[in-house]
Structure formats: C-alpha cells, structure tokens
C-alpha cells in the first residue's frame, strides 16, 4: 500500500511529466510534415538527378516519395496511439511497488524530493524514442525514466559501482563492414546483500542513453549530487 506522502509526490511527478510529454509530442508533430516533404522532394530530386524524364519521375519516384511520406505519417499515428500518460503512471507504480523497503525508506525518499535535493535532466530524443527521458538525481535516491517507457528507482546506499558501456552495431557500406557506436548504457551494479540486489540474478541495472553527451551530463549530475560517487569509479 502506497503511503499518503508517496501518493502526493507521484501526483506531482505525473503533472510535471505530463507537461514534458506534451512538449515532446508537439516537437514530433512539428517535424512530421518536414520529414514527409523531404521524402517526396528527395525522391523526385533523385529521379531527376540520374536523368530520368519528368513523366517517369512523376509516375515512379513521386509515387514512391508519397508512399514514404504516408508511412512516416502512419508511424506517427501509431506512436500516438501506443504512448500515453496512463502507461507512464503504470511504469512508475510498478517500479515503486517493488522498490521501497518500508515506511522509513518511503519517508526518506519523499523528504529528498520535497526538499528539492536533486538535479533534473530531460532528453528529448524525438527521432528515436517514444517518450521524453527524465532523470531525477539526488544524494540518496534517483528516479530514472527512459525514452522507451522504462522506469527505475535507485537507492544510492545500495550502489557498488557506476559505469558506462558503449553500445555498437555492425554496418556495411560498399562491402566494407564496420562497428558504429549507437549510444551508451548506464550500468549500476549493486552491493551484495543490498535490497536492490535481492532477486536480481545479475545484481545490476542498465539504462540506454542515445549519446555519449547525454551519458556525460547524467554522470556530471551524479558527481554533483553524490559525494560518494568517487568510490564507485
């Protein structure tokens, strides 16, 4: 059963995140017509650039461009249907239901949040993610909500180590294969016997960030708020 203090915090958090979510959706919506126009113009320019006559370009390349534009609009429509504040709330509630150890733990968390002893970070990865990423980093507790709807709470007393791992993928161009970095995963390893490690086979939490710059900003916030962070690296 969630305490009254925690319910008050969650209501406030959802109001703040709702404004962030609206801003995120507006940014995506503004870009959709641009992407649609670029796809049509790009296909027409490609056809003309390789020397096809105007009739062929209108019959083939223009139609392909329109098809791509329609697909972009469909993806935006599907994303709008698949994302909602109800799902954000459900992700928070699910994580909170298993995170806290008891009333004292909840009270300490609520006090940190009420006192404003944390740094807020927001990442609007509108091209790659369905939600804005939101991070609240305090000396005793963190709240991490990634752009894919993944929510995690972290108790700093349970942390043994914090690090980053570059995530790479293979690409092939002109017969040449190479590995390209696509982001960085934040890795939080928990102390043996800590509440956070209990029930976790790997005793760690990971969260994907879209760039090294975002990872550095998060690590800077951790260093500013957590004096004990020097012992984690």
C-alpha atoms as a PDB file:
ATOM      1  CA  UNK A   1       0.000   0.000   0.000  1.00  0.00           C
ATOM      2  CA  UNK A   2       1.432   3.361  -1.072  1.00  0.00           C
ATOM      3  CA  UNK A   3       1.711   5.959   1.707  1.00  0.00           C
ATOM      4  CA  UNK A   4      -0.044   9.313   1.526  1.00  0.00           C
ATOM      5  CA  UNK A   5       3.274  11.150   1.157  1.00  0.00           C
ATOM      6  CA  UNK A   6       4.282   8.947  -1.740  1.00  0.00           C
ATOM      7  CA  UNK A   7       0.914   9.426  -3.466  1.00  0.00           C
ATOM      8  CA  UNK A   8       1.302  13.199  -3.193  1.00  0.00           C
ATOM      9  CA  UNK A   9       4.779  13.004  -4.734  1.00  0.00           C
ATOM     10  CA  UNK A  10       3.592  10.727  -7.528  1.00  0.00           C
ATOM     11  CA  UNK A  11       0.710  13.063  -8.403  1.00  0.00           C
ATOM     12  CA  UNK A  12       3.140  15.993  -8.582  1.00  0.00           C
ATOM     13  CA  UNK A  13       5.585  13.960 -10.641  1.00  0.00           C
ATOM     14  CA  UNK A  14       2.886  12.957 -13.131  1.00  0.00           C
ATOM     15  CA  UNK A  15       1.794  16.592 -13.541  1.00  0.00           C
ATOM     16  CA  UNK A  16       5.359  17.645 -14.267  1.00  0.00           C
ATOM     17  CA  UNK A  17       5.963  14.736 -16.620  1.00  0.00           C
ATOM     18  CA  UNK A  18       2.665  15.404 -18.405  1.00  0.00           C
ATOM     19  CA  UNK A  19       3.896  18.876 -19.404  1.00  0.00           C
ATOM     20  CA  UNK A  20       7.144  17.368 -20.628  1.00  0.00           C
ATOM     21  CA  UNK A  21       5.231  14.715 -22.584  1.00  0.00           C
ATOM     22  CA  UNK A  22       3.058  17.374 -24.274  1.00  0.00           C
ATOM     23  CA  UNK A  23       6.159  19.313 -25.301  1.00  0.00           C
ATOM     24  CA  UNK A  24       7.719  16.117 -26.673  1.00  0.00           C
ATOM     25  CA  UNK A  25       4.633  15.266 -28.742  1.00  0.00           C
ATOM     26  CA  UNK A  26       4.481  18.815 -30.118  1.00  0.00           C
ATOM     27  CA  UNK A  27       8.104  18.587 -31.241  1.00  0.00           C
ATOM     28  CA  UNK A  28       7.428  15.289 -33.005  1.00  0.00           C
ATOM     29  CA  UNK A  29       4.242  16.633 -34.602  1.00  0.00           C
ATOM     30  CA  UNK A  30       6.051  19.699 -35.955  1.00  0.00           C
ATOM     31  CA  UNK A  31       8.709  17.521 -37.572  1.00  0.00           C
ATOM     32  CA  UNK A  32       6.337  15.064 -39.281  1.00  0.00           C
ATOM     33  CA  UNK A  33       5.368  17.411 -42.179  1.00  0.00           C
ATOM     34  CA  UNK A  34       9.055  18.249 -42.662  1.00  0.00           C
ATOM     35  CA  UNK A  35      10.027  14.572 -42.899  1.00  0.00           C
ATOM     36  CA  UNK A  36       7.123  13.921 -45.274  1.00  0.00           C
ATOM     37  CA  UNK A  37       8.105  16.817 -47.538  1.00  0.00           C
ATOM     38  CA  UNK A  38      11.770  15.790 -47.524  1.00  0.00           C
ATOM     39  CA  UNK A  39      10.871  12.233 -48.543  1.00  0.00           C
ATOM     40  CA  UNK A  40       8.800  13.434 -51.528  1.00  0.00           C
ATOM     41  CA  UNK A  41      11.242  16.128 -52.654  1.00  0.00           C
ATOM     42  CA  UNK A  42      14.184  13.819 -52.143  1.00  0.00           C
ATOM     43  CA  UNK A  43      12.741  11.035 -54.303  1.00  0.00           C
ATOM     44  CA  UNK A  44      11.830  13.496 -57.098  1.00  0.00           C
ATOM     45  CA  UNK A  45      15.301  15.083 -56.947  1.00  0.00           C
ATOM     46  CA  UNK A  46      16.884  11.618 -57.078  1.00  0.00           C
ATOM     47  CA  UNK A  47      14.949  10.719 -60.197  1.00  0.00           C
ATOM     48  CA  UNK A  48      15.778  13.985 -61.958  1.00  0.00           C
ATOM     49  CA  UNK A  49      19.381  13.780 -60.793  1.00  0.00           C
ATOM     50  CA  UNK A  50      20.003  10.430 -62.502  1.00  0.00           C
ATOM     51  CA  UNK A  51      18.486  11.726 -65.752  1.00  0.00           C
ATOM     52  CA  UNK A  52      15.010  10.188 -65.889  1.00  0.00           C
ATOM     53  CA  UNK A  53      12.408  12.169 -67.854  1.00  0.00           C
ATOM     54  CA  UNK A  54       9.750  14.114 -65.961  1.00  0.00           C
ATOM     55  CA  UNK A  55       6.929  11.716 -66.849  1.00  0.00           C
ATOM     56  CA  UNK A  56       8.807   8.732 -65.441  1.00  0.00           C
ATOM     57  CA  UNK A  57       9.771  10.643 -62.322  1.00  0.00           C
ATOM     58  CA  UNK A  58       6.146  11.666 -61.766  1.00  0.00           C
ATOM     59  CA  UNK A  59       4.954   8.117 -62.358  1.00  0.00           C
ATOM     60  CA  UNK A  60       7.545   6.316 -60.247  1.00  0.00           C
ATOM     61  CA  UNK A  61       9.675   8.482 -57.973  1.00  0.00           C
ATOM     62  CA  UNK A  62       6.904  10.850 -56.937  1.00  0.00           C
ATOM     63  CA  UNK A  63       4.645   7.935 -56.021  1.00  0.00           C
ATOM     64  CA  UNK A  64       7.453   6.277 -54.042  1.00  0.00           C
ATOM     65  CA  UNK A  65       8.045   9.557 -52.209  1.00  0.00           C
ATOM     66  CA  UNK A  66       4.347   9.881 -51.411  1.00  0.00           C
ATOM     67  CA  UNK A  67       4.344   6.293 -50.155  1.00  0.00           C
ATOM     68  CA  UNK A  68       7.285   7.006 -47.850  1.00  0.00           C
ATOM     69  CA  UNK A  69       5.543  10.170 -46.608  1.00  0.00           C
ATOM     70  CA  UNK A  70       2.386   8.186 -45.880  1.00  0.00           C
ATOM     71  CA  UNK A  71       4.438   5.625 -43.965  1.00  0.00           C
ATOM     72  CA  UNK A  72       6.011   8.399 -41.861  1.00  0.00           C
ATOM     73  CA  UNK A  73       2.554   9.758 -41.016  1.00  0.00           C
ATOM     74  CA  UNK A  74       1.351   6.241 -40.148  1.00  0.00           C
ATOM     75  CA  UNK A  75       4.316   5.726 -37.790  1.00  0.00           C
ATOM     76  CA  UNK A  76       3.500   8.991 -36.029  1.00  0.00           C
ATOM     77  CA  UNK A  77      -0.170   7.985 -35.716  1.00  0.00           C
ATOM     78  CA  UNK A  78       0.745   4.554 -34.320  1.00  0.00           C
ATOM     79  CA  UNK A  79       3.200   6.109 -31.850  1.00  0.00           C
ATOM     80  CA  UNK A  80       0.470   8.474 -30.656  1.00  0.00           C
ATOM     81  CA  UNK A  81      -1.860   5.553 -30.033  1.00  0.00           C
ATOM     82  CA  UNK A  82       0.823   3.459 -28.329  1.00  0.00           C
ATOM     83  CA  UNK A  83       2.016   6.125 -25.888  1.00  0.00           C
ATOM     84  CA  UNK A  84       0.060   7.713 -23.065  1.00  0.00           C
ATOM     85  CA  UNK A  85       0.374   9.138 -19.575  1.00  0.00           C
ATOM     86  CA  UNK A  86      -1.513   6.073 -18.307  1.00  0.00           C
ATOM     87  CA  UNK A  87       1.417   3.920 -19.391  1.00  0.00           C
ATOM     88  CA  UNK A  88       3.883   6.298 -17.746  1.00  0.00           C
ATOM     89  CA  UNK A  89       1.929   6.116 -14.481  1.00  0.00           C
ATOM     90  CA  UNK A  90       1.758   2.326 -14.720  1.00  0.00           C
ATOM     91  CA  UNK A  91       5.545   2.130 -15.188  1.00  0.00           C
ATOM     92  CA  UNK A  92       6.144   4.310 -12.117  1.00  0.00           C
ATOM     93  CA  UNK A  93       3.644   2.386  -9.986  1.00  0.00           C
ATOM     94  CA  UNK A  94       5.090  -0.977 -10.974  1.00  0.00           C
ATOM     95  CA  UNK A  95       8.632   0.098 -10.054  1.00  0.00           C
ATOM     96  CA  UNK A  96       7.550   1.765  -6.807  1.00  0.00           C
ATOM     97  CA  UNK A  97       5.599  -1.332  -5.798  1.00  0.00           C
ATOM     98  CA  UNK A  98       8.790  -3.386  -5.526  1.00  0.00           C
ATOM     99  CA  UNK A  99      11.402  -0.759  -4.714  1.00  0.00           C
ATOM    100  CA  UNK A 100      10.759   0.554  -1.198  1.00  0.00           C
ATOM    101  CA  UNK A 101      11.834  -1.449   1.844  1.00  0.00           C
ATOM    102  CA  UNK A 102       9.303   0.089   4.236  1.00  0.00           C
ATOM    103  CA  UNK A 103       7.801   3.298   5.649  1.00  0.00           C
ATOM    104  CA  UNK A 104      11.167   4.775   6.664  1.00  0.00           C
ATOM    105  CA  UNK A 105      12.531   4.249   3.151  1.00  0.00           C
ATOM    106  CA  UNK A 106       9.464   5.932   1.612  1.00  0.00           C
ATOM    107  CA  UNK A 107       9.713   8.825   4.073  1.00  0.00           C
ATOM    108  CA  UNK A 108      13.407   9.405   3.283  1.00  0.00           C
ATOM    109  CA  UNK A 109      12.638   9.398  -0.449  1.00  0.00           C
ATOM    110  CA  UNK A 110       9.755  11.849  -0.073  1.00  0.00           C
ATOM    111  CA  UNK A 111      11.870  14.163   2.107  1.00  0.00           C
ATOM    112  CA  UNK A 112      14.635  14.335  -0.503  1.00  0.00           C
ATOM    113  CA  UNK A 113      12.084  15.161  -3.196  1.00  0.00           C
ATOM    114  CA  UNK A 114      10.162  17.673  -1.056  1.00  0.00           C
ATOM    115  CA  UNK A 115      13.410  19.444  -0.117  1.00  0.00           C
ATOM    116  CA  UNK A 116      14.390  19.667  -3.796  1.00  0.00           C
ATOM    117  CA  UNK A 117      17.726  17.950  -3.189  1.00  0.00           C
ATOM    118  CA  UNK A 118      18.119  16.609  -6.696  1.00  0.00           C
ATOM    119  CA  UNK A 119      19.034  17.610 -10.249  1.00  0.00           C
ATOM    120  CA  UNK A 120      16.536  17.212 -13.110  1.00  0.00           C
ATOM    121  CA  UNK A 121      17.678  16.127 -16.565  1.00  0.00           C
ATOM    122  CA  UNK A 122      15.448  15.801 -19.642  1.00  0.00           C
ATOM    123  CA  UNK A 123      16.402  14.374 -23.032  1.00  0.00           C
ATOM    124  CA  UNK A 124      14.062  14.888 -26.000  1.00  0.00           C
ATOM    125  CA  UNK A 125      15.132  12.101 -28.361  1.00  0.00           C
ATOM    126  CA  UNK A 126      12.181  12.650 -30.700  1.00  0.00           C
ATOM    127  CA  UNK A 127      13.716  10.765 -33.633  1.00  0.00           C
ATOM    128  CA  UNK A 128      14.463   7.557 -31.765  1.00  0.00           C
ATOM    129  CA  UNK A 129      12.223   7.258 -28.694  1.00  0.00           C
ATOM    130  CA  UNK A 130       8.542   7.333 -27.788  1.00  0.00           C
ATOM    131  CA  UNK A 131       8.786   9.342 -24.572  1.00  0.00           C
ATOM    132  CA  UNK A 132      10.992  12.122 -23.207  1.00  0.00           C
ATOM    133  CA  UNK A 133      13.677  10.739 -20.904  1.00  0.00           C
ATOM    134  CA  UNK A 134      13.550  12.161 -17.356  1.00  0.00           C
ATOM    135  CA  UNK A 135      16.147  11.721 -14.628  1.00  0.00           C
ATOM    136  CA  UNK A 136      15.969  12.948 -11.024  1.00  0.00           C
ATOM    137  CA  UNK A 137      19.388  12.530  -9.414  1.00  0.00           C
ATOM    138  CA  UNK A 138      19.704  13.107  -5.664  1.00  0.00           C
ATOM    139  CA  UNK A 139      22.216  12.134  -2.975  1.00  0.00           C
ATOM    140  CA  UNK A 140      20.107   9.240  -1.651  1.00  0.00           C
ATOM    141  CA  UNK A 141      17.659   8.332  -4.434  1.00  0.00           C
ATOM    142  CA  UNK A 142      17.415   8.528  -8.212  1.00  0.00           C
ATOM    143  CA  UNK A 143      14.359   8.266 -10.435  1.00  0.00           C
ATOM    144  CA  UNK A 144      15.180   7.213 -13.999  1.00  0.00           C
ATOM    145  CA  UNK A 145      12.596   7.127 -16.790  1.00  0.00           C
ATOM    146  CA  UNK A 146      13.982   6.285 -20.219  1.00  0.00           C
ATOM    147  CA  UNK A 147      12.503   7.223 -23.569  1.00  0.00           C
ATOM    148  CA  UNK A 148      11.222   3.705 -24.191  1.00  0.00           C
ATOM    149  CA  UNK A 149       8.973   3.847 -21.111  1.00  0.00           C
ATOM    150  CA  UNK A 150      11.402   2.004 -18.813  1.00  0.00           C
ATOM    151  CA  UNK A 151      11.280   3.274 -15.192  1.00  0.00           C
ATOM    152  CA  UNK A 152      13.780   2.527 -12.437  1.00  0.00           C
ATOM    153  CA  UNK A 153      14.342   3.898  -8.942  1.00  0.00           C
ATOM    154  CA  UNK A 154      17.843   3.688  -7.450  1.00  0.00           C
ATOM    155  CA  UNK A 155      18.897   3.821  -3.786  1.00  0.00           C
ATOM    156  CA  UNK A 156      22.470   5.163  -3.693  1.00  0.00           C
ATOM    157  CA  UNK A 157      23.270   3.284  -0.463  1.00  0.00           C
ATOM    158  CA  UNK A 158      22.896   0.064  -2.483  1.00  0.00           C
ATOM    159  CA  UNK A 159      25.358   1.051  -5.226  1.00  0.00           C
ATOM    160  CA  UNK A 160      28.736  -0.664  -5.574  1.00  0.00           C
ATOM    161  CA  UNK A 161      29.773   0.777  -8.947  1.00  0.00           C
ATOM    162  CA  UNK A 162      28.510   3.043 -11.752  1.00  0.00           C
ATOM    163  CA  UNK A 163      29.930   2.895 -15.269  1.00  0.00           C
ATOM    164  CA  UNK A 164      29.103   3.286 -18.945  1.00  0.00           C
ATOM    165  CA  UNK A 165      29.322   0.822 -21.811  1.00  0.00           C
ATOM    166  CA  UNK A 166      29.336   1.885 -25.471  1.00  0.00           C
ATOM    167  CA  UNK A 167      26.645   0.104 -27.467  1.00  0.00           C
ATOM    168  CA  UNK A 168      27.664  -0.684 -31.035  1.00  0.00           C
ATOM    169  CA  UNK A 169      26.144  -2.187 -34.140  1.00  0.00           C
ATOM    170  CA  UNK A 170      27.608  -3.533 -37.378  1.00  0.00           C
ATOM    171  CA  UNK A 171      27.056  -1.607 -40.608  1.00  0.00           C
ATOM    172  CA  UNK A 172      28.088  -2.481 -44.135  1.00  0.00           C
ATOM    173  CA  UNK A 173      28.819   0.026 -46.898  1.00  0.00           C
ATOM    174  CA  UNK A 174      30.385  -0.805 -50.229  1.00  0.00           C
ATOM    175  CA  UNK A 175      31.340  -4.225 -48.993  1.00  0.00           C
ATOM    176  CA  UNK A 176      33.198  -2.785 -46.017  1.00  0.00           C
ATOM    177  CA  UNK A 177      31.927  -3.745 -42.561  1.00  0.00           C
ATOM    178  CA  UNK A 178      32.430  -1.537 -39.549  1.00  0.00           C
ATOM    179  CA  UNK A 179      31.189  -1.142 -35.997  1.00  0.00           C
ATOM    180  CA  UNK A 180      29.370   2.107 -35.188  1.00  0.00           C
ATOM    181  CA  UNK A 181      28.554   3.392 -31.705  1.00  0.00           C
ATOM    182  CA  UNK A 182      24.798   3.960 -31.332  1.00  0.00           C
ATOM    183  CA  UNK A 183      24.664   5.037 -27.684  1.00  0.00           C
ATOM    184  CA  UNK A 184      25.886   4.400 -24.166  1.00  0.00           C
ATOM    185  CA  UNK A 185      24.333   2.234 -21.459  1.00  0.00           C
ATOM    186  CA  UNK A 186      24.472   3.406 -17.853  1.00  0.00           C
ATOM    187  CA  UNK A 187      25.367   0.388 -15.704  1.00  0.00           C
ATOM    188  CA  UNK A 188      24.602   0.475 -11.976  1.00  0.00           C
ATOM    189  CA  UNK A 189      25.996  -2.513 -10.037  1.00  0.00           C
ATOM    190  CA  UNK A 190      24.518  -3.205  -6.612  1.00  0.00           C
ATOM    191  CA  UNK A 191      26.251  -4.329  -3.419  1.00  0.00           C
ATOM    192  CA  UNK A 192      25.897  -7.971  -2.457  1.00  0.00           C
ATOM    193  CA  UNK A 193      23.143  -8.355   0.111  1.00  0.00           C
ATOM    194  CA  UNK A 194      21.593  -4.942  -0.592  1.00  0.00           C
ATOM    195  CA  UNK A 195      17.799  -4.661  -1.092  1.00  0.00           C
ATOM    196  CA  UNK A 196      18.338  -3.684  -4.743  1.00  0.00           C
ATOM    197  CA  UNK A 197      20.470  -6.764  -5.428  1.00  0.00           C
ATOM    198  CA  UNK A 198      17.932  -9.126  -3.869  1.00  0.00           C
ATOM    199  CA  UNK A 199      16.094 -11.084  -6.515  1.00  0.00           C
ATOM    200  CA  UNK A 200      18.314  -9.857  -9.357  1.00  0.00           C
ATOM    201  CA  UNK A 201      20.389 -12.583 -10.985  1.00  0.00           C
ATOM    202  CA  UNK A 202      22.962 -10.127 -12.362  1.00  0.00           C
ATOM    203  CA  UNK A 203      22.733  -7.685  -9.402  1.00  0.00           C
ATOM    204  CA  UNK A 204      22.753  -4.656 -11.704  1.00  0.00           C
ATOM    205  CA  UNK A 205      20.557  -2.200 -13.582  1.00  0.00           C
ATOM    206  CA  UNK A 206      21.210  -0.824 -17.064  1.00  0.00           C
ATOM    207  CA  UNK A 207      19.626   2.039 -18.972  1.00  0.00           C
ATOM    208  CA  UNK A 208      20.332   3.025 -22.582  1.00  0.00           C
ATOM    209  CA  UNK A 209      21.184   6.637 -23.474  1.00  0.00           C
ATOM    210  CA  UNK A 210      21.185   7.905 -27.044  1.00  0.00           C
ATOM    211  CA  UNK A 211      24.625   9.552 -26.956  1.00  0.00           C
ATOM    212  CA  UNK A 212      27.857   9.911 -25.054  1.00  0.00           C
ATOM    213  CA  UNK A 213      26.952  13.549 -24.389  1.00  0.00           C
ATOM    214  CA  UNK A 214      23.767  12.500 -22.576  1.00  0.00           C
ATOM    215  CA  UNK A 215      25.730   9.952 -20.555  1.00  0.00           C
ATOM    216  CA  UNK A 216      28.272  12.618 -19.552  1.00  0.00           C
ATOM    217  CA  UNK A 217      25.527  15.002 -18.452  1.00  0.00           C
ATOM    218  CA  UNK A 218      23.996  12.284 -16.304  1.00  0.00           C
ATOM    219  CA  UNK A 219      27.371  11.380 -14.786  1.00  0.00           C
ATOM    220  CA  UNK A 220      28.048  15.066 -14.071  1.00  0.00           C
ATOM    221  CA  UNK A 221      24.712  15.289 -12.219  1.00  0.00           C
ATOM    222  CA  UNK A 222      25.630  12.179 -10.230  1.00  0.00           C
ATOM    223  CA  UNK A 223      29.047  13.643  -9.312  1.00  0.00           C
ATOM    224  CA  UNK A 224      27.470  16.934  -8.174  1.00  0.00           C
ATOM    225  CA  UNK A 225      24.795  15.315  -6.040  1.00  0.00           C
ATOM    226  CA  UNK A 226      26.564  12.245  -4.689  1.00  0.00           C
ATOM    227  CA  UNK A 227      29.847  12.829  -2.800  1.00  0.00           C
ATOM    228  CA  UNK A 228      30.232   9.050  -2.562  1.00  0.00           C
ATOM    229  CA  UNK A 229      30.341   8.769  -6.375  1.00  0.00           C
ATOM    230  CA  UNK A 230      34.165   8.882  -6.352  1.00  0.00           C
ATOM    231  CA  UNK A 231      34.193   5.460  -4.722  1.00  0.00           C
ATOM    232  CA  UNK A 232      32.041   3.987  -7.498  1.00  0.00           C
ATOM    233  CA  UNK A 233      34.574   4.506 -10.307  1.00  0.00           C
END
